[in-house]
Amino acid sequence: YRLIARNTVEEKVMQLQQNKRRLAETVLAAAPQQGLALTPQDIAYLLE
């Protein structure tokens, strides 16, 4: 657990991390179905 105050930079950082995590999970889940060959390094580059 983390204690994060509302309307702070920390809250925005946590939201960005969650959004990036969901995006990465979506990309990785779609990769086998779409025939995509993204490496972990490719995904990290896209999320920078």
PDB file of N, CA and C in Angstrom:
ATOM      1  N   TYR A   1       0.830  -1.191   0.000  1.00  0.00           N
ATOM      2  CA  TYR A   1       0.000   0.000   0.000  1.00  0.00           C
ATOM      3  C   TYR A   1       0.867   1.243   0.000  1.00  0.00           C
ATOM      4  N   ARG A   2       0.318   2.296  -0.593  1.00  0.00           N
ATOM      5  CA  ARG A   2       1.010   3.580  -0.607  1.00  0.00           C
ATOM      6  C   ARG A   2       0.048   4.660  -0.137  1.00  0.00           C
ATOM      7  N   LEU A   3       0.567   5.585   0.602  1.00  0.00           N
ATOM      8  CA  LEU A   3      -0.234   6.718   1.052  1.00  0.00           C
ATOM      9  C   LEU A   3       0.038   7.876   0.098  1.00  0.00           C
ATOM     10  N   ILE A   4      -0.964   8.206  -0.697  1.00  0.00           N
ATOM     11  CA  ILE A   4      -0.830   9.275  -1.686  1.00  0.00           C
ATOM     12  C   ILE A   4      -1.921  10.308  -1.426  1.00  0.00           C
ATOM     13  N   ALA A   5      -1.508  11.563  -1.253  1.00  0.00           N
ATOM     14  CA  ALA A   5      -2.471  12.640  -1.036  1.00  0.00           C
ATOM     15  C   ALA A   5      -3.117  13.026  -2.365  1.00  0.00           C
ATOM     16  N   ARG A   6      -4.355  13.465  -2.293  1.00  0.00           N
ATOM     17  CA  ARG A   6      -5.077  13.878  -3.497  1.00  0.00           C
ATOM     18  C   ARG A   6      -4.511  15.169  -4.071  1.00  0.00           C
ATOM     19  N   ASN A   7      -4.638  15.284  -5.395  1.00  0.00           N
ATOM     20  CA  ASN A   7      -4.227  16.494  -6.113  1.00  0.00           C
ATOM     21  C   ASN A   7      -2.759  16.842  -5.898  1.00  0.00           C
ATOM     22  N   THR A   8      -1.906  15.829  -5.917  1.00  0.00           N
ATOM     23  CA  THR A   8      -0.472  16.050  -5.760  1.00  0.00           C
ATOM     24  C   THR A   8       0.258  15.486  -6.972  1.00  0.00           C
ATOM     25  N   VAL A   9       1.516  15.829  -7.073  1.00  0.00           N
ATOM     26  CA  VAL A   9       2.353  15.284  -8.143  1.00  0.00           C
ATOM     27  C   VAL A   9       2.415  13.765  -8.017  1.00  0.00           C
ATOM     28  N   GLU A  10       2.520  13.269  -6.799  1.00  0.00           N
ATOM     29  CA  GLU A  10       2.591  11.825  -6.584  1.00  0.00           C
ATOM     30  C   GLU A  10       1.349  11.116  -7.125  1.00  0.00           C
ATOM     31  N   GLU A  11       0.183  11.726  -6.943  1.00  0.00           N
ATOM     32  CA  GLU A  11      -1.043  11.123  -7.455  1.00  0.00           C
ATOM     33  C   GLU A  11      -1.011  11.073  -8.983  1.00  0.00           C
ATOM     34  N   LYS A  12      -0.540  12.135  -9.612  1.00  0.00           N
ATOM     35  CA  LYS A  12      -0.460  12.158 -11.069  1.00  0.00           C
ATOM     36  C   LYS A  12       0.544  11.129 -11.579  1.00  0.00           C
ATOM     37  N   VAL A  13       1.657  10.972 -10.889  1.00  0.00           N
ATOM     38  CA  VAL A  13       2.655   9.972 -11.274  1.00  0.00           C
ATOM     39  C   VAL A  13       2.064   8.572 -11.161  1.00  0.00           C
ATOM     40  N   MET A  14       1.337   8.310 -10.098  1.00  0.00           N
ATOM     41  CA  MET A  14       0.702   6.998  -9.928  1.00  0.00           C
ATOM     42  C   MET A  14      -0.298   6.740 -11.053  1.00  0.00           C
ATOM     43  N   GLN A  15      -1.063   7.742 -11.425  1.00  0.00           N
ATOM     44  CA  GLN A  15      -2.033   7.587 -12.515  1.00  0.00           C
ATOM     45  C   GLN A  15      -1.330   7.299 -13.837  1.00  0.00           C
ATOM     46  N   LEU A  16      -0.228   8.001 -14.086  1.00  0.00           N
ATOM     47  CA  LEU A  16       0.534   7.747 -15.310  1.00  0.00           C
ATOM     48  C   LEU A  16       1.085   6.326 -15.329  1.00  0.00           C
ATOM     49  N   GLN A  17       1.597   5.858 -14.196  1.00  0.00           N
ATOM     50  CA  GLN A  17       2.121   4.498 -14.118  1.00  0.00           C
ATOM     51  C   GLN A  17       1.022   3.478 -14.394  1.00  0.00           C
ATOM     52  N   GLN A  18      -0.141   3.693 -13.832  1.00  0.00           N
ATOM     53  CA  GLN A  18      -1.256   2.770 -14.053  1.00  0.00           C
ATOM     54  C   GLN A  18      -1.673   2.764 -15.520  1.00  0.00           C
ATOM     55  N   ASN A  19      -1.729   3.940 -16.128  1.00  0.00           N
ATOM     56  CA  ASN A  19      -2.102   4.025 -17.540  1.00  0.00           C
ATOM     57  C   ASN A  19      -1.078   3.322 -18.422  1.00  0.00           C
ATOM     58  N   LYS A  20       0.193   3.515 -18.132  1.00  0.00           N
ATOM     59  CA  LYS A  20       1.245   2.861 -18.911  1.00  0.00           C
ATOM     60  C   LYS A  20       1.201   1.349 -18.726  1.00  0.00           C
ATOM     61  N   ARG A  21       0.941   0.908 -17.506  1.00  0.00           N
ATOM     62  CA  ARG A  21       0.852  -0.528 -17.245  1.00  0.00           C
ATOM     63  C   ARG A  21      -0.298  -1.144 -18.040  1.00  0.00           C
ATOM     64  N   ARG A  22      -1.456  -0.480 -18.041  1.00  0.00           N
ATOM     65  CA  ARG A  22      -2.608  -0.985 -18.806  1.00  0.00           C
ATOM     66  C   ARG A  22      -2.309  -0.998 -20.303  1.00  0.00           C
ATOM     67  N   LEU A  23      -1.651   0.042 -20.791  1.00  0.00           N
ATOM     68  CA  LEU A  23      -1.288   0.108 -22.201  1.00  0.00           C
ATOM     69  C   LEU A  23      -0.349  -1.033 -22.570  1.00  0.00           C
ATOM     70  N   ALA A  24       0.658  -1.264 -21.750  1.00  0.00           N
ATOM     71  CA  ALA A  24       1.603  -2.351 -22.016  1.00  0.00           C
ATOM     72  C   ALA A  24       0.898  -3.698 -21.997  1.00  0.00           C
ATOM     73  N   GLU A  25       0.011  -3.909 -21.047  1.00  0.00           N
ATOM     74  CA  GLU A  25      -0.725  -5.175 -20.979  1.00  0.00           C
ATOM     75  C   GLU A  25      -1.587  -5.366 -22.219  1.00  0.00           C
ATOM     76  N   THR A  26      -2.203  -4.294 -22.690  1.00  0.00           N
ATOM     77  CA  THR A  26      -3.036  -4.370 -23.889  1.00  0.00           C
ATOM     78  C   THR A  26      -2.196  -4.703 -25.113  1.00  0.00           C
ATOM     79  N   VAL A  27      -1.056  -4.044 -25.241  1.00  0.00           N
ATOM     80  CA  VAL A  27      -0.176  -4.296 -26.388  1.00  0.00           C
ATOM     81  C   VAL A  27       0.337  -5.725 -26.357  1.00  0.00           C
ATOM     82  N   LEU A  28       0.763  -6.173 -25.192  1.00  0.00           N
ATOM     83  CA  LEU A  28       1.296  -7.532 -25.091  1.00  0.00           C
ATOM     84  C   LEU A  28       0.220  -8.579 -25.326  1.00  0.00           C
ATOM     85  N   ALA A  29      -0.990  -8.312 -24.897  1.00  0.00           N
ATOM     86  CA  ALA A  29      -2.081  -9.268 -25.094  1.00  0.00           C
ATOM     87  C   ALA A  29      -2.474  -9.343 -26.564  1.00  0.00           C
ATOM     88  N   ALA A  30      -2.370  -8.234 -27.290  1.00  0.00           N
ATOM     89  CA  ALA A  30      -2.762  -8.205 -28.698  1.00  0.00           C
ATOM     90  C   ALA A  30      -1.659  -8.716 -29.618  1.00  0.00           C
ATOM     91  N   ALA A  31      -0.428  -8.705 -29.167  1.00  0.00           N
ATOM     92  CA  ALA A  31       0.703  -9.061 -30.028  1.00  0.00           C
ATOM     93  C   ALA A  31       0.566 -10.438 -30.675  1.00  0.00           C
ATOM     94  N   PRO A  32       0.274 -11.520 -29.952  1.00  0.00           N
ATOM     95  CA  PRO A  32       0.181 -12.824 -30.607  1.00  0.00           C
ATOM     96  C   PRO A  32      -0.958 -12.885 -31.629  1.00  0.00           C
ATOM     97  N   GLN A  33      -2.039 -12.214 -31.364  1.00  0.00           N
ATOM     98  CA  GLN A  33      -3.190 -12.240 -32.261  1.00  0.00           C
ATOM     99  C   GLN A  33      -2.941 -11.411 -33.518  1.00  0.00           C
ATOM    100  N   GLN A  34      -2.183 -10.367 -33.400  1.00  0.00           N
ATOM    101  CA  GLN A  34      -1.943  -9.466 -34.529  1.00  0.00           C
ATOM    102  C   GLN A  34      -0.667  -9.816 -35.288  1.00  0.00           C
ATOM    103  N   GLY A  35       0.103 -10.766 -34.774  1.00  0.00           N
ATOM    104  CA  GLY A  35       1.354 -11.114 -35.422  1.00  0.00           C
ATOM    105  C   GLY A  35       2.435 -10.076 -35.206  1.00  0.00           C
ATOM    106  N   LEU A  36       2.303  -9.269 -34.189  1.00  0.00           N
ATOM    107  CA  LEU A  36       3.298  -8.248 -33.892  1.00  0.00           C
ATOM    108  C   LEU A  36       4.485  -8.871 -33.175  1.00  0.00           C
ATOM    109  N   ALA A  37       5.645  -8.309 -33.414  1.00  0.00           N
ATOM    110  CA  ALA A  37       6.844  -8.810 -32.758  1.00  0.00           C
ATOM    111  C   ALA A  37       7.510  -7.662 -32.002  1.00  0.00           C
ATOM    112  N   LEU A  38       6.907  -7.242 -30.922  1.00  0.00           N
ATOM    113  CA  LEU A  38       7.473  -6.177 -30.097  1.00  0.00           C
ATOM    114  C   LEU A  38       8.301  -6.786 -28.979  1.00  0.00           C
ATOM    115  N   THR A  39       9.501  -6.280 -28.834  1.00  0.00           N
ATOM    116  CA  THR A  39      10.348  -6.724 -27.737  1.00  0.00           C
ATOM    117  C   THR A  39      10.054  -5.854 -26.518  1.00  0.00           C
ATOM    118  N   PRO A  40      10.465  -6.301 -25.343  1.00  0.00           N
ATOM    119  CA  PRO A  40      10.299  -5.442 -24.162  1.00  0.00           C
ATOM    120  C   PRO A  40      10.981  -4.083 -24.342  1.00  0.00           C
ATOM    121  N   GLN A  41      12.099  -4.059 -25.059  1.00  0.00           N
ATOM    122  CA  GLN A  41      12.796  -2.794 -25.311  1.00  0.00           C
ATOM    123  C   GLN A  41      11.955  -1.885 -26.207  1.00  0.00           C
ATOM    124  N   ASP A  42      11.274  -2.463 -27.200  1.00  0.00           N
ATOM    125  CA  ASP A  42      10.394  -1.672 -28.062  1.00  0.00           C
ATOM    126  C   ASP A  42       9.286  -1.019 -27.251  1.00  0.00           C
ATOM    127  N   ILE A  43       8.696  -1.794 -26.378  1.00  0.00           N
ATOM    128  CA  ILE A  43       7.599  -1.278 -25.563  1.00  0.00           C
ATOM    129  C   ILE A  43       8.099  -0.191 -24.622  1.00  0.00           C
ATOM    130  N   ALA A  44       9.267  -0.407 -24.016  1.00  0.00           N
ATOM    131  CA  ALA A  44       9.838   0.605 -23.128  1.00  0.00           C
ATOM    132  C   ALA A  44      10.078   1.906 -23.890  1.00  0.00           C
ATOM    133  N   TYR A  45      10.566   1.795 -25.118  1.00  0.00           N
ATOM    134  CA  TYR A  45      10.799   2.988 -25.944  1.00  0.00           C
ATOM    135  C   TYR A  45       9.491   3.720 -26.226  1.00  0.00           C
ATOM    136  N   LEU A  46       8.441   2.974 -26.541  1.00  0.00           N
ATOM    137  CA  LEU A  46       7.149   3.583 -26.828  1.00  0.00           C
ATOM    138  C   LEU A  46       6.562   4.296 -25.619  1.00  0.00           C
ATOM    139  N   LEU A  47       6.877   3.815 -24.430  1.00  0.00           N
ATOM    140  CA  LEU A  47       6.304   4.380 -23.213  1.00  0.00           C
ATOM    141  C   LEU A  47       7.135   5.508 -22.616  1.00  0.00           C
ATOM    142  N   GLU A  48       8.272   5.812 -23.222  1.00  0.00           N
ATOM    143  CA  GLU A  48       9.106   6.898 -22.698  1.00  0.00           C
ATOM    144  C   GLU A  48       8.435   8.236 -22.867  1.00  0.00           C
TER     145      GLU A  48
END
